[in-house]
């Protein structure tokens, strides 16, 4: 088991993320303890990718974003990153460690991968699973992209976000003018969040309860057909939060209001959505996304649940195939 204490030690002893240096940044790790922590982390979350290549290069380091120390990882395929780079944004309660299927798929396509943990998630600092505003997430993304620009991370760039990660892509485009600052060839949203399922009823309950409770116990939902994945989250992933934060919900409501008030954005979004999604209100969300992003396209996967990159294989194959099509790359 890779523990939360291990995560803190790994973060505190990590150097600055280095996208530019030749050779593995892990070779620069000062202590055998840090090397052991990185190996333990990669082993626990199966981030070694031997089935892709024995020579996938992995770098791990940190960057500062406001009050947060963000842990960022950089994976480079054996023959380099000539085909471009995919930046991955995880969802609420998630972290980079559980995105191995998507990282592996991008590497198989010949893409380098940049993935970081948002504040309060995974290896990064911050109050667990909490945030004051989604704008802080937007800032973390922009800070990472600025470092990637300065260090010459290979283009073209693609941005892929699961759930809340998809919300951050949209919020960054609408509120933070992301496309005016950085150039992306593709934006891919997987089960993106505008509002959750059963939101009208939940918001009424939340309005009454928010004055009395700062947090609520988290219920691990059946958001995938992959039972092994669900059991891993609930029993073997110590980096999972056990609570749902009131302040995070307030931040989500603030994001929803910004989304509704925002103008039109002409960037082309590609949304992949499962009809079995019980986490987000996709039938409500997709028309709203289309209204804000008129060039948006949606691809529907019948029966797939919310956690598309960690669905069972029969659904995940369809997700990865559609990602390949959007990126115009073949395995």
C-alpha atoms as a PDB file:
ATOM      1  CA  UNK A   1       0.000   0.000   0.000  1.00  0.00           C
ATOM      2  CA  UNK A   2       1.239   3.484  -0.885  1.00  0.00           C
ATOM      3  CA  UNK A   3       0.099   5.694   2.008  1.00  0.00           C
ATOM      4  CA  UNK A   4      -0.789   9.363   2.333  1.00  0.00           C
ATOM      5  CA  UNK A   5       2.320   9.780   4.525  1.00  0.00           C
ATOM      6  CA  UNK A   6       4.378   8.351   1.669  1.00  0.00           C
ATOM      7  CA  UNK A   7       2.787  10.914  -0.647  1.00  0.00           C
ATOM      8  CA  UNK A   8       3.762  13.778   1.650  1.00  0.00           C
ATOM      9  CA  UNK A   9       7.353  12.550   1.897  1.00  0.00           C
ATOM     10  CA  UNK A  10       7.580  12.115  -1.866  1.00  0.00           C
ATOM     11  CA  UNK A  11       6.295  15.656  -2.469  1.00  0.00           C
ATOM     12  CA  UNK A  12       8.506  17.272   0.161  1.00  0.00           C
ATOM     13  CA  UNK A  13      11.645  15.665  -1.230  1.00  0.00           C
ATOM     14  CA  UNK A  14      10.888  16.175  -4.929  1.00  0.00           C
ATOM     15  CA  UNK A  15      12.725  18.787  -6.973  1.00  0.00           C
ATOM     16  CA  UNK A  16      11.180  21.110  -9.532  1.00  0.00           C
ATOM     17  CA  UNK A  17       9.592  19.402 -12.533  1.00  0.00           C
ATOM     18  CA  UNK A  18      11.971  19.423 -15.484  1.00  0.00           C
ATOM     19  CA  UNK A  19      10.460  18.876 -18.920  1.00  0.00           C
ATOM     20  CA  UNK A  20      13.546  19.942 -20.835  1.00  0.00           C
ATOM     21  CA  UNK A  21      16.574  18.057 -19.515  1.00  0.00           C
ATOM     22  CA  UNK A  22      17.871  15.073 -21.412  1.00  0.00           C
ATOM     23  CA  UNK A  23      17.793  11.778 -19.580  1.00  0.00           C
ATOM     24  CA  UNK A  24      15.616  10.804 -16.663  1.00  0.00           C
ATOM     25  CA  UNK A  25      14.991  13.444 -14.029  1.00  0.00           C
ATOM     26  CA  UNK A  26      14.687  10.597 -11.546  1.00  0.00           C
ATOM     27  CA  UNK A  27      18.434  10.059 -11.930  1.00  0.00           C
ATOM     28  CA  UNK A  28      18.832  13.346 -10.102  1.00  0.00           C
ATOM     29  CA  UNK A  29      16.946  12.155  -7.020  1.00  0.00           C
ATOM     30  CA  UNK A  30      19.255  12.732  -4.058  1.00  0.00           C
ATOM     31  CA  UNK A  31      18.217   9.966  -1.706  1.00  0.00           C
ATOM     32  CA  UNK A  32      17.579   6.268  -1.943  1.00  0.00           C
ATOM     33  CA  UNK A  33      14.461   6.837   0.178  1.00  0.00           C
ATOM     34  CA  UNK A  34      12.992   9.123  -2.493  1.00  0.00           C
ATOM     35  CA  UNK A  35      13.862   6.631  -5.213  1.00  0.00           C
ATOM     36  CA  UNK A  36      12.127   3.939  -3.171  1.00  0.00           C
ATOM     37  CA  UNK A  37       9.028   6.110  -2.708  1.00  0.00           C
ATOM     38  CA  UNK A  38       8.770   6.761  -6.450  1.00  0.00           C
ATOM     39  CA  UNK A  39       9.206   3.064  -7.214  1.00  0.00           C
ATOM     40  CA  UNK A  40       6.573   2.172  -4.607  1.00  0.00           C
ATOM     41  CA  UNK A  41       4.144   4.719  -6.049  1.00  0.00           C
ATOM     42  CA  UNK A  42       4.603   3.520  -9.632  1.00  0.00           C
ATOM     43  CA  UNK A  43       4.315  -0.120  -8.612  1.00  0.00           C
ATOM     44  CA  UNK A  44       1.168   0.387  -6.540  1.00  0.00           C
ATOM     45  CA  UNK A  45      -0.597   2.252  -9.352  1.00  0.00           C
ATOM     46  CA  UNK A  46       0.915   0.149 -12.168  1.00  0.00           C
ATOM     47  CA  UNK A  47       2.585   3.103 -13.845  1.00  0.00           C
ATOM     48  CA  UNK A  48       5.612   1.203 -15.133  1.00  0.00           C
ATOM     49  CA  UNK A  49       4.196   0.517 -18.629  1.00  0.00           C
ATOM     50  CA  UNK A  50       6.528  -2.362 -19.497  1.00  0.00           C
ATOM     51  CA  UNK A  51       3.934  -3.591 -22.008  1.00  0.00           C
ATOM     52  CA  UNK A  52       4.382  -0.320 -23.943  1.00  0.00           C
ATOM     53  CA  UNK A  53       8.169  -0.263 -23.731  1.00  0.00           C
ATOM     54  CA  UNK A  54      10.855  -0.927 -21.187  1.00  0.00           C
ATOM     55  CA  UNK A  55      12.236   2.499 -22.060  1.00  0.00           C
ATOM     56  CA  UNK A  56       9.338   4.817 -21.210  1.00  0.00           C
ATOM     57  CA  UNK A  57      10.961   7.739 -19.449  1.00  0.00           C
ATOM     58  CA  UNK A  58       9.278   8.992 -16.280  1.00  0.00           C
ATOM     59  CA  UNK A  59       9.994  12.293 -14.588  1.00  0.00           C
ATOM     60  CA  UNK A  60       8.321  13.526 -11.425  1.00  0.00           C
ATOM     61  CA  UNK A  61       8.689  16.906  -9.764  1.00  0.00           C
ATOM     62  CA  UNK A  62       6.813  19.871  -8.389  1.00  0.00           C
ATOM     63  CA  UNK A  63       5.839  23.413  -9.264  1.00  0.00           C
ATOM     64  CA  UNK A  64       4.317  26.136  -7.123  1.00  0.00           C
ATOM     65  CA  UNK A  65       0.861  27.531  -7.848  1.00  0.00           C
ATOM     66  CA  UNK A  66      -0.356  30.092  -5.352  1.00  0.00           C
ATOM     67  CA  UNK A  67      -0.176  28.459  -1.905  1.00  0.00           C
ATOM     68  CA  UNK A  68       0.032  24.953  -3.357  1.00  0.00           C
ATOM     69  CA  UNK A  69       2.917  22.651  -4.190  1.00  0.00           C
ATOM     70  CA  UNK A  70       1.726  20.683  -7.186  1.00  0.00           C
ATOM     71  CA  UNK A  71       3.225  17.309  -8.058  1.00  0.00           C
ATOM     72  CA  UNK A  72       3.554  16.820 -11.809  1.00  0.00           C
ATOM     73  CA  UNK A  73       4.599  13.783 -13.858  1.00  0.00           C
ATOM     74  CA  UNK A  74       6.003  13.603 -17.364  1.00  0.00           C
ATOM     75  CA  UNK A  75       6.017  10.390 -19.385  1.00  0.00           C
ATOM     76  CA  UNK A  76       7.988  10.203 -22.643  1.00  0.00           C
ATOM     77  CA  UNK A  77       7.629   7.303 -25.106  1.00  0.00           C
ATOM     78  CA  UNK A  78      10.702   5.338 -26.127  1.00  0.00           C
ATOM     79  CA  UNK A  79      11.247   7.134 -29.423  1.00  0.00           C
ATOM     80  CA  UNK A  80      10.630  10.623 -28.075  1.00  0.00           C
ATOM     81  CA  UNK A  81       7.693  13.004 -28.173  1.00  0.00           C
ATOM     82  CA  UNK A  82       7.752  13.946 -31.865  1.00  0.00           C
ATOM     83  CA  UNK A  83       4.009  13.333 -32.235  1.00  0.00           C
ATOM     84  CA  UNK A  84       3.128  15.869 -29.554  1.00  0.00           C
ATOM     85  CA  UNK A  85       2.040  15.982 -25.926  1.00  0.00           C
ATOM     86  CA  UNK A  86      -1.187  15.173 -24.108  1.00  0.00           C
ATOM     87  CA  UNK A  87      -2.006  17.093 -20.915  1.00  0.00           C
ATOM     88  CA  UNK A  88      -4.390  15.119 -18.688  1.00  0.00           C
ATOM     89  CA  UNK A  89      -6.753  16.628 -16.109  1.00  0.00           C
ATOM     90  CA  UNK A  90      -8.275  14.294 -13.534  1.00  0.00           C
ATOM     91  CA  UNK A  91     -11.692  14.475 -11.886  1.00  0.00           C
ATOM     92  CA  UNK A  92     -12.831  15.161  -8.335  1.00  0.00           C
ATOM     93  CA  UNK A  93     -11.517  12.571  -5.833  1.00  0.00           C
ATOM     94  CA  UNK A  94      -9.148  11.310  -8.577  1.00  0.00           C
ATOM     95  CA  UNK A  95      -5.396  11.665  -9.041  1.00  0.00           C
ATOM     96  CA  UNK A  96      -2.770  10.839 -11.643  1.00  0.00           C
ATOM     97  CA  UNK A  97      -2.096   7.392 -10.176  1.00  0.00           C
ATOM     98  CA  UNK A  98      -5.414   5.953 -11.308  1.00  0.00           C
ATOM     99  CA  UNK A  99      -5.109   7.251 -14.892  1.00  0.00           C
ATOM    100  CA  UNK A 100      -2.782   4.501 -16.101  1.00  0.00           C
ATOM    101  CA  UNK A 101      -5.076   3.336 -18.929  1.00  0.00           C
ATOM    102  CA  UNK A 102      -5.217   6.796 -20.475  1.00  0.00           C
ATOM    103  CA  UNK A 103      -1.502   7.456 -19.955  1.00  0.00           C
ATOM    104  CA  UNK A 104      -0.679   4.099 -21.545  1.00  0.00           C
ATOM    105  CA  UNK A 105      -2.948   4.752 -24.520  1.00  0.00           C
ATOM    106  CA  UNK A 106      -1.351   8.131 -25.183  1.00  0.00           C
ATOM    107  CA  UNK A 107       2.122   6.586 -24.972  1.00  0.00           C
ATOM    108  CA  UNK A 108       1.067   3.887 -27.444  1.00  0.00           C
ATOM    109  CA  UNK A 109       0.007   6.678 -29.805  1.00  0.00           C
ATOM    110  CA  UNK A 110       3.520   8.090 -29.546  1.00  0.00           C
ATOM    111  CA  UNK A 111       2.487  11.057 -27.404  1.00  0.00           C
ATOM    112  CA  UNK A 112       4.311  12.337 -24.347  1.00  0.00           C
ATOM    113  CA  UNK A 113       2.059  12.805 -21.321  1.00  0.00           C
ATOM    114  CA  UNK A 114       1.973  15.568 -18.718  1.00  0.00           C
ATOM    115  CA  UNK A 115      -0.314  14.904 -15.749  1.00  0.00           C
ATOM    116  CA  UNK A 116      -0.456  16.648 -12.384  1.00  0.00           C
ATOM    117  CA  UNK A 117      -2.563  16.292  -9.251  1.00  0.00           C
ATOM    118  CA  UNK A 118      -4.878  19.200  -8.500  1.00  0.00           C
ATOM    119  CA  UNK A 119      -4.673  20.804  -5.013  1.00  0.00           C
ATOM    120  CA  UNK A 120      -5.984  18.508  -2.301  1.00  0.00           C
ATOM    121  CA  UNK A 121      -5.662  15.449  -4.534  1.00  0.00           C
ATOM    122  CA  UNK A 122      -3.106  12.678  -4.883  1.00  0.00           C
ATOM    123  CA  UNK A 123       0.463  13.791  -4.259  1.00  0.00           C
ATOM    124  CA  UNK A 124      -0.178  17.559  -4.265  1.00  0.00           C
ATOM    125  CA  UNK A 125      -0.609  19.788  -1.226  1.00  0.00           C
ATOM    126  CA  UNK A 126      -3.853  21.395  -0.083  1.00  0.00           C
ATOM    127  CA  UNK A 127      -6.824  20.496   2.090  1.00  0.00           C
ATOM    128  CA  UNK A 128      -7.991  17.050   1.039  1.00  0.00           C
ATOM    129  CA  UNK A 129     -10.590  17.129  -1.778  1.00  0.00           C
ATOM    130  CA  UNK A 130     -11.364  20.787  -1.180  1.00  0.00           C
ATOM    131  CA  UNK A 131     -10.959  24.106  -2.992  1.00  0.00           C
ATOM    132  CA  UNK A 132     -12.218  27.662  -2.489  1.00  0.00           C
ATOM    133  CA  UNK A 133     -12.866  28.241  -6.192  1.00  0.00           C
ATOM    134  CA  UNK A 134     -12.452  26.364  -9.454  1.00  0.00           C
ATOM    135  CA  UNK A 135     -10.421  29.377 -10.537  1.00  0.00           C
ATOM    136  CA  UNK A 136      -7.616  27.975  -8.386  1.00  0.00           C
ATOM    137  CA  UNK A 137      -7.708  24.820 -10.527  1.00  0.00           C
ATOM    138  CA  UNK A 138      -7.620  27.040 -13.627  1.00  0.00           C
ATOM    139  CA  UNK A 139      -4.550  28.809 -12.266  1.00  0.00           C
ATOM    140  CA  UNK A 140      -2.763  25.504 -11.620  1.00  0.00           C
ATOM    141  CA  UNK A 141      -3.387  24.469 -15.222  1.00  0.00           C
ATOM    142  CA  UNK A 142      -2.138  27.806 -16.554  1.00  0.00           C
ATOM    143  CA  UNK A 143       0.978  27.651 -14.355  1.00  0.00           C
ATOM    144  CA  UNK A 144       1.798  24.168 -15.619  1.00  0.00           C
ATOM    145  CA  UNK A 145       1.312  25.257 -19.230  1.00  0.00           C
ATOM    146  CA  UNK A 146       3.539  28.280 -18.728  1.00  0.00           C
ATOM    147  CA  UNK A 147       6.361  26.067 -17.461  1.00  0.00           C
ATOM    148  CA  UNK A 148       5.777  23.668 -20.364  1.00  0.00           C
ATOM    149  CA  UNK A 149       5.999  26.595 -22.792  1.00  0.00           C
ATOM    150  CA  UNK A 150       9.177  27.955 -21.244  1.00  0.00           C
ATOM    151  CA  UNK A 151      10.821  24.520 -21.321  1.00  0.00           C
ATOM    152  CA  UNK A 152       9.771  23.722 -24.879  1.00  0.00           C
ATOM    153  CA  UNK A 153       7.419  20.775 -24.347  1.00  0.00           C
ATOM    154  CA  UNK A 154       6.771  19.258 -27.755  1.00  0.00           C
ATOM    155  CA  UNK A 155       3.740  20.444 -29.700  1.00  0.00           C
ATOM    156  CA  UNK A 156       1.061  19.920 -30.893  1.00  0.00           C
ATOM    157  CA  UNK A 157      -0.642  19.874 -27.517  1.00  0.00           C
ATOM    158  CA  UNK A 158      -3.897  18.129 -26.651  1.00  0.00           C
ATOM    159  CA  UNK A 159      -5.897  18.654 -23.464  1.00  0.00           C
ATOM    160  CA  UNK A 160      -7.958  15.761 -22.082  1.00  0.00           C
ATOM    161  CA  UNK A 161     -10.157  16.142 -18.984  1.00  0.00           C
ATOM    162  CA  UNK A 162     -12.286  13.615 -17.102  1.00  0.00           C
ATOM    163  CA  UNK A 163     -15.413  14.928 -15.294  1.00  0.00           C
ATOM    164  CA  UNK A 164     -14.266  17.920 -13.211  1.00  0.00           C
ATOM    165  CA  UNK A 165     -11.168  17.966 -15.407  1.00  0.00           C
ATOM    166  CA  UNK A 166     -13.513  18.603 -18.326  1.00  0.00           C
ATOM    167  CA  UNK A 167     -15.156  21.397 -16.331  1.00  0.00           C
ATOM    168  CA  UNK A 168     -11.733  22.988 -15.818  1.00  0.00           C
ATOM    169  CA  UNK A 169     -11.110  22.929 -19.574  1.00  0.00           C
ATOM    170  CA  UNK A 170     -14.413  24.727 -20.190  1.00  0.00           C
ATOM    171  CA  UNK A 171     -13.997  27.154 -17.298  1.00  0.00           C
ATOM    172  CA  UNK A 172     -10.441  27.961 -18.397  1.00  0.00           C
ATOM    173  CA  UNK A 173     -11.629  28.665 -21.943  1.00  0.00           C
ATOM    174  CA  UNK A 174     -14.619  30.766 -20.877  1.00  0.00           C
ATOM    175  CA  UNK A 175     -13.275  32.531 -17.792  1.00  0.00           C
ATOM    176  CA  UNK A 176      -9.500  32.458 -18.128  1.00  0.00           C
ATOM    177  CA  UNK A 177      -9.206  32.889 -21.932  1.00  0.00           C
ATOM    178  CA  UNK A 178      -7.053  29.773 -22.173  1.00  0.00           C
ATOM    179  CA  UNK A 179      -7.037  29.671 -25.982  1.00  0.00           C
ATOM    180  CA  UNK A 180      -5.624  33.209 -26.163  1.00  0.00           C
ATOM    181  CA  UNK A 181      -2.644  32.190 -24.027  1.00  0.00           C
ATOM    182  CA  UNK A 182      -1.831  28.664 -25.207  1.00  0.00           C
ATOM    183  CA  UNK A 183      -2.294  26.730 -28.428  1.00  0.00           C
ATOM    184  CA  UNK A 184      -4.071  23.366 -28.338  1.00  0.00           C
ATOM    185  CA  UNK A 185      -4.809  21.135 -31.295  1.00  0.00           C
ATOM    186  CA  UNK A 186      -7.559  19.237 -29.476  1.00  0.00           C
ATOM    187  CA  UNK A 187      -9.797  19.497 -26.419  1.00  0.00           C
ATOM    188  CA  UNK A 188     -11.336  16.207 -25.258  1.00  0.00           C
ATOM    189  CA  UNK A 189     -13.894  16.059 -22.428  1.00  0.00           C
ATOM    190  CA  UNK A 190     -14.811  12.726 -20.840  1.00  0.00           C
ATOM    191  CA  UNK A 191     -18.143  12.792 -18.994  1.00  0.00           C
ATOM    192  CA  UNK A 192     -17.730  16.536 -18.297  1.00  0.00           C
ATOM    193  CA  UNK A 193     -19.324  18.210 -15.299  1.00  0.00           C
ATOM    194  CA  UNK A 194     -21.753  21.093 -15.628  1.00  0.00           C
ATOM    195  CA  UNK A 195     -24.185  19.911 -13.005  1.00  0.00           C
ATOM    196  CA  UNK A 196     -24.376  16.553 -11.194  1.00  0.00           C
ATOM    197  CA  UNK A 197     -27.153  14.005 -11.463  1.00  0.00           C
ATOM    198  CA  UNK A 198     -30.293  14.787  -9.433  1.00  0.00           C
ATOM    199  CA  UNK A 199     -28.948  18.279  -8.830  1.00  0.00           C
ATOM    200  CA  UNK A 200     -32.250  20.078  -8.167  1.00  0.00           C
ATOM    201  CA  UNK A 201     -33.061  17.850  -5.209  1.00  0.00           C
ATOM    202  CA  UNK A 202     -29.470  17.729  -4.008  1.00  0.00           C
ATOM    203  CA  UNK A 203     -29.137  21.508  -4.071  1.00  0.00           C
ATOM    204  CA  UNK A 204     -32.221  21.950  -1.898  1.00  0.00           C
ATOM    205  CA  UNK A 205     -30.822  19.495   0.655  1.00  0.00           C
ATOM    206  CA  UNK A 206     -27.422  21.160   0.458  1.00  0.00           C
ATOM    207  CA  UNK A 207     -28.917  24.612   1.064  1.00  0.00           C
ATOM    208  CA  UNK A 208     -30.379  23.440   4.360  1.00  0.00           C
ATOM    209  CA  UNK A 209     -27.430  21.330   5.495  1.00  0.00           C
ATOM    210  CA  UNK A 210     -24.530  23.655   4.605  1.00  0.00           C
ATOM    211  CA  UNK A 211     -25.103  25.757   7.708  1.00  0.00           C
ATOM    212  CA  UNK A 212     -24.637  22.767   9.990  1.00  0.00           C
ATOM    213  CA  UNK A 213     -22.066  20.472   8.401  1.00  0.00           C
ATOM    214  CA  UNK A 214     -18.674  21.336   6.928  1.00  0.00           C
ATOM    215  CA  UNK A 215     -18.285  17.909   5.342  1.00  0.00           C
ATOM    216  CA  UNK A 216     -20.300  14.787   4.584  1.00  0.00           C
ATOM    217  CA  UNK A 217     -19.123  11.181   4.431  1.00  0.00           C
ATOM    218  CA  UNK A 218     -18.270  10.161   0.895  1.00  0.00           C
ATOM    219  CA  UNK A 219     -20.180   7.323  -0.699  1.00  0.00           C
ATOM    220  CA  UNK A 220     -18.139   5.398  -3.252  1.00  0.00           C
ATOM    221  CA  UNK A 221     -20.428   5.265  -6.266  1.00  0.00           C
ATOM    222  CA  UNK A 222     -20.750   2.511  -8.856  1.00  0.00           C
ATOM    223  CA  UNK A 223     -19.267   4.747 -11.556  1.00  0.00           C
ATOM    224  CA  UNK A 224     -17.654   1.947 -13.567  1.00  0.00           C
ATOM    225  CA  UNK A 225     -18.491  -1.607 -14.644  1.00  0.00           C
ATOM    226  CA  UNK A 226     -14.945  -2.605 -13.620  1.00  0.00           C
ATOM    227  CA  UNK A 227     -15.463  -4.155 -10.176  1.00  0.00           C
ATOM    228  CA  UNK A 228     -11.738  -4.524  -9.537  1.00  0.00           C
ATOM    229  CA  UNK A 229     -11.265  -0.787 -10.086  1.00  0.00           C
ATOM    230  CA  UNK A 230     -14.118   0.070  -7.705  1.00  0.00           C
ATOM    231  CA  UNK A 231     -12.726  -2.225  -5.021  1.00  0.00           C
ATOM    232  CA  UNK A 232      -9.265  -0.735  -5.453  1.00  0.00           C
ATOM    233  CA  UNK A 233     -10.610   2.782  -4.898  1.00  0.00           C
ATOM    234  CA  UNK A 234     -12.570   1.843  -1.804  1.00  0.00           C
ATOM    235  CA  UNK A 235     -10.048  -0.484  -0.165  1.00  0.00           C
ATOM    236  CA  UNK A 236      -6.541  -0.064  -1.547  1.00  0.00           C
ATOM    237  CA  UNK A 237      -6.136   3.571  -2.574  1.00  0.00           C
ATOM    238  CA  UNK A 238      -5.089   5.544   0.481  1.00  0.00           C
ATOM    239  CA  UNK A 239      -5.066   8.759  -1.555  1.00  0.00           C
ATOM    240  CA  UNK A 240      -8.859   8.684  -1.881  1.00  0.00           C
ATOM    241  CA  UNK A 241     -10.812  11.180   0.215  1.00  0.00           C
ATOM    242  CA  UNK A 242     -13.375   9.769   2.624  1.00  0.00           C
ATOM    243  CA  UNK A 243     -15.368  13.009   2.798  1.00  0.00           C
ATOM    244  CA  UNK A 244     -17.279  15.314   0.471  1.00  0.00           C
ATOM    245  CA  UNK A 245     -16.411  18.919   1.239  1.00  0.00           C
ATOM    246  CA  UNK A 246     -19.118  21.570   1.619  1.00  0.00           C
ATOM    247  CA  UNK A 247     -16.781  24.266   0.329  1.00  0.00           C
ATOM    248  CA  UNK A 248     -16.044  22.234  -2.815  1.00  0.00           C
ATOM    249  CA  UNK A 249     -19.776  22.137  -3.566  1.00  0.00           C
ATOM    250  CA  UNK A 250     -19.975  25.910  -3.067  1.00  0.00           C
ATOM    251  CA  UNK A 251     -17.091  26.252  -5.543  1.00  0.00           C
ATOM    252  CA  UNK A 252     -18.971  24.020  -8.002  1.00  0.00           C
ATOM    253  CA  UNK A 253     -22.073  26.231  -7.730  1.00  0.00           C
ATOM    254  CA  UNK A 254     -19.903  29.284  -8.377  1.00  0.00           C
ATOM    255  CA  UNK A 255     -18.527  27.553 -11.480  1.00  0.00           C
ATOM    256  CA  UNK A 256     -22.043  26.753 -12.698  1.00  0.00           C
ATOM    257  CA  UNK A 257     -23.050  30.413 -12.380  1.00  0.00           C
ATOM    258  CA  UNK A 258     -19.951  31.510 -14.303  1.00  0.00           C
ATOM    259  CA  UNK A 259     -20.706  28.963 -16.991  1.00  0.00           C
ATOM    260  CA  UNK A 260     -24.267  30.215 -17.458  1.00  0.00           C
ATOM    261  CA  UNK A 261     -23.166  33.864 -17.560  1.00  0.00           C
ATOM    262  CA  UNK A 262     -20.265  33.324 -19.963  1.00  0.00           C
ATOM    263  CA  UNK A 263     -20.301  34.274 -23.620  1.00  0.00           C
ATOM    264  CA  UNK A 264     -19.820  32.019 -26.622  1.00  0.00           C
ATOM    265  CA  UNK A 265     -16.493  30.282 -27.273  1.00  0.00           C
ATOM    266  CA  UNK A 266     -15.654  29.070 -30.783  1.00  0.00           C
ATOM    267  CA  UNK A 267     -13.056  26.501 -29.738  1.00  0.00           C
ATOM    268  CA  UNK A 268     -13.985  22.975 -30.817  1.00  0.00           C
ATOM    269  CA  UNK A 269     -14.631  20.571 -27.970  1.00  0.00           C
ATOM    270  CA  UNK A 270     -14.931  16.804 -28.369  1.00  0.00           C
ATOM    271  CA  UNK A 271     -17.120  15.259 -25.671  1.00  0.00           C
ATOM    272  CA  UNK A 272     -17.245  11.525 -24.996  1.00  0.00           C
ATOM    273  CA  UNK A 273     -20.231  10.565 -22.862  1.00  0.00           C
ATOM    274  CA  UNK A 274     -21.709   7.336 -21.529  1.00  0.00           C
ATOM    275  CA  UNK A 275     -25.469   6.884 -21.271  1.00  0.00           C
ATOM    276  CA  UNK A 276     -25.073   4.884 -18.040  1.00  0.00           C
ATOM    277  CA  UNK A 277     -23.484   7.856 -16.277  1.00  0.00           C
ATOM    278  CA  UNK A 278     -25.081   8.272 -12.845  1.00  0.00           C
ATOM    279  CA  UNK A 279     -22.692  10.987 -11.661  1.00  0.00           C
ATOM    280  CA  UNK A 280     -23.283  13.925 -14.014  1.00  0.00           C
ATOM    281  CA  UNK A 281     -26.594  15.011 -15.551  1.00  0.00           C
ATOM    282  CA  UNK A 282     -25.367  14.432 -19.086  1.00  0.00           C
ATOM    283  CA  UNK A 283     -28.749  14.910 -20.770  1.00  0.00           C
ATOM    284  CA  UNK A 284     -28.842  18.402 -19.273  1.00  0.00           C
ATOM    285  CA  UNK A 285     -25.140  19.091 -19.700  1.00  0.00           C
ATOM    286  CA  UNK A 286     -24.566  18.281 -23.375  1.00  0.00           C
ATOM    287  CA  UNK A 287     -27.064  20.845 -24.767  1.00  0.00           C
ATOM    288  CA  UNK A 288     -25.589  23.509 -22.446  1.00  0.00           C
ATOM    289  CA  UNK A 289     -22.086  22.714 -23.625  1.00  0.00           C
ATOM    290  CA  UNK A 290     -23.235  22.918 -27.239  1.00  0.00           C
ATOM    291  CA  UNK A 291     -24.844  26.313 -26.554  1.00  0.00           C
ATOM    292  CA  UNK A 292     -21.596  27.725 -25.127  1.00  0.00           C
ATOM    293  CA  UNK A 293     -19.337  25.957 -27.628  1.00  0.00           C
ATOM    294  CA  UNK A 294     -21.272  25.835 -30.929  1.00  0.00           C
ATOM    295  CA  UNK A 295     -18.502  23.838 -32.628  1.00  0.00           C
ATOM    296  CA  UNK A 296     -18.629  21.107 -29.986  1.00  0.00           C
ATOM    297  CA  UNK A 297     -19.118  17.489 -31.032  1.00  0.00           C
ATOM    298  CA  UNK A 298     -20.376  14.641 -28.859  1.00  0.00           C
ATOM    299  CA  UNK A 299     -19.749  10.906 -29.092  1.00  0.00           C
ATOM    300  CA  UNK A 300     -22.159   8.719 -27.114  1.00  0.00           C
ATOM    301  CA  UNK A 301     -21.229   5.309 -25.703  1.00  0.00           C
ATOM    302  CA  UNK A 302     -24.342   3.313 -24.848  1.00  0.00           C
ATOM    303  CA  UNK A 303     -24.312   1.948 -21.317  1.00  0.00           C
ATOM    304  CA  UNK A 304     -20.925   3.333 -20.274  1.00  0.00           C
ATOM    305  CA  UNK A 305     -20.772   4.763 -16.775  1.00  0.00           C
ATOM    306  CA  UNK A 306     -19.076   7.918 -15.550  1.00  0.00           C
ATOM    307  CA  UNK A 307     -15.438   6.940 -15.041  1.00  0.00           C
ATOM    308  CA  UNK A 308     -14.793   6.395 -18.734  1.00  0.00           C
ATOM    309  CA  UNK A 309     -11.034   5.891 -18.554  1.00  0.00           C
ATOM    310  CA  UNK A 310     -11.515   3.253 -15.861  1.00  0.00           C
ATOM    311  CA  UNK A 311     -14.520   1.510 -17.368  1.00  0.00           C
ATOM    312  CA  UNK A 312     -14.483  -2.222 -17.999  1.00  0.00           C
ATOM    313  CA  UNK A 313     -12.592  -3.227 -21.123  1.00  0.00           C
ATOM    314  CA  UNK A 314     -15.595  -3.473 -23.473  1.00  0.00           C
ATOM    315  CA  UNK A 315     -16.407   0.214 -22.876  1.00  0.00           C
ATOM    316  CA  UNK A 316     -12.848   1.420 -22.425  1.00  0.00           C
ATOM    317  CA  UNK A 317     -11.885   0.125 -25.885  1.00  0.00           C
ATOM    318  CA  UNK A 318     -14.558   2.371 -27.391  1.00  0.00           C
ATOM    319  CA  UNK A 319     -13.353   5.362 -25.359  1.00  0.00           C
ATOM    320  CA  UNK A 320      -9.742   4.909 -26.416  1.00  0.00           C
ATOM    321  CA  UNK A 321     -10.711   4.303 -30.039  1.00  0.00           C
ATOM    322  CA  UNK A 322     -12.629   7.573 -30.104  1.00  0.00           C
ATOM    323  CA  UNK A 323      -9.706   9.427 -28.501  1.00  0.00           C
ATOM    324  CA  UNK A 324      -7.442   8.051 -31.244  1.00  0.00           C
ATOM    325  CA  UNK A 325      -9.910   9.180 -33.903  1.00  0.00           C
ATOM    326  CA  UNK A 326     -10.111  12.705 -32.470  1.00  0.00           C
ATOM    327  CA  UNK A 327      -6.350  12.957 -32.232  1.00  0.00           C
ATOM    328  CA  UNK A 328      -6.104  11.587 -35.765  1.00  0.00           C
ATOM    329  CA  UNK A 329      -3.541   9.052 -34.622  1.00  0.00           C
ATOM    330  CA  UNK A 330      -3.544   5.282 -35.054  1.00  0.00           C
ATOM    331  CA  UNK A 331      -1.960   2.818 -32.649  1.00  0.00           C
END
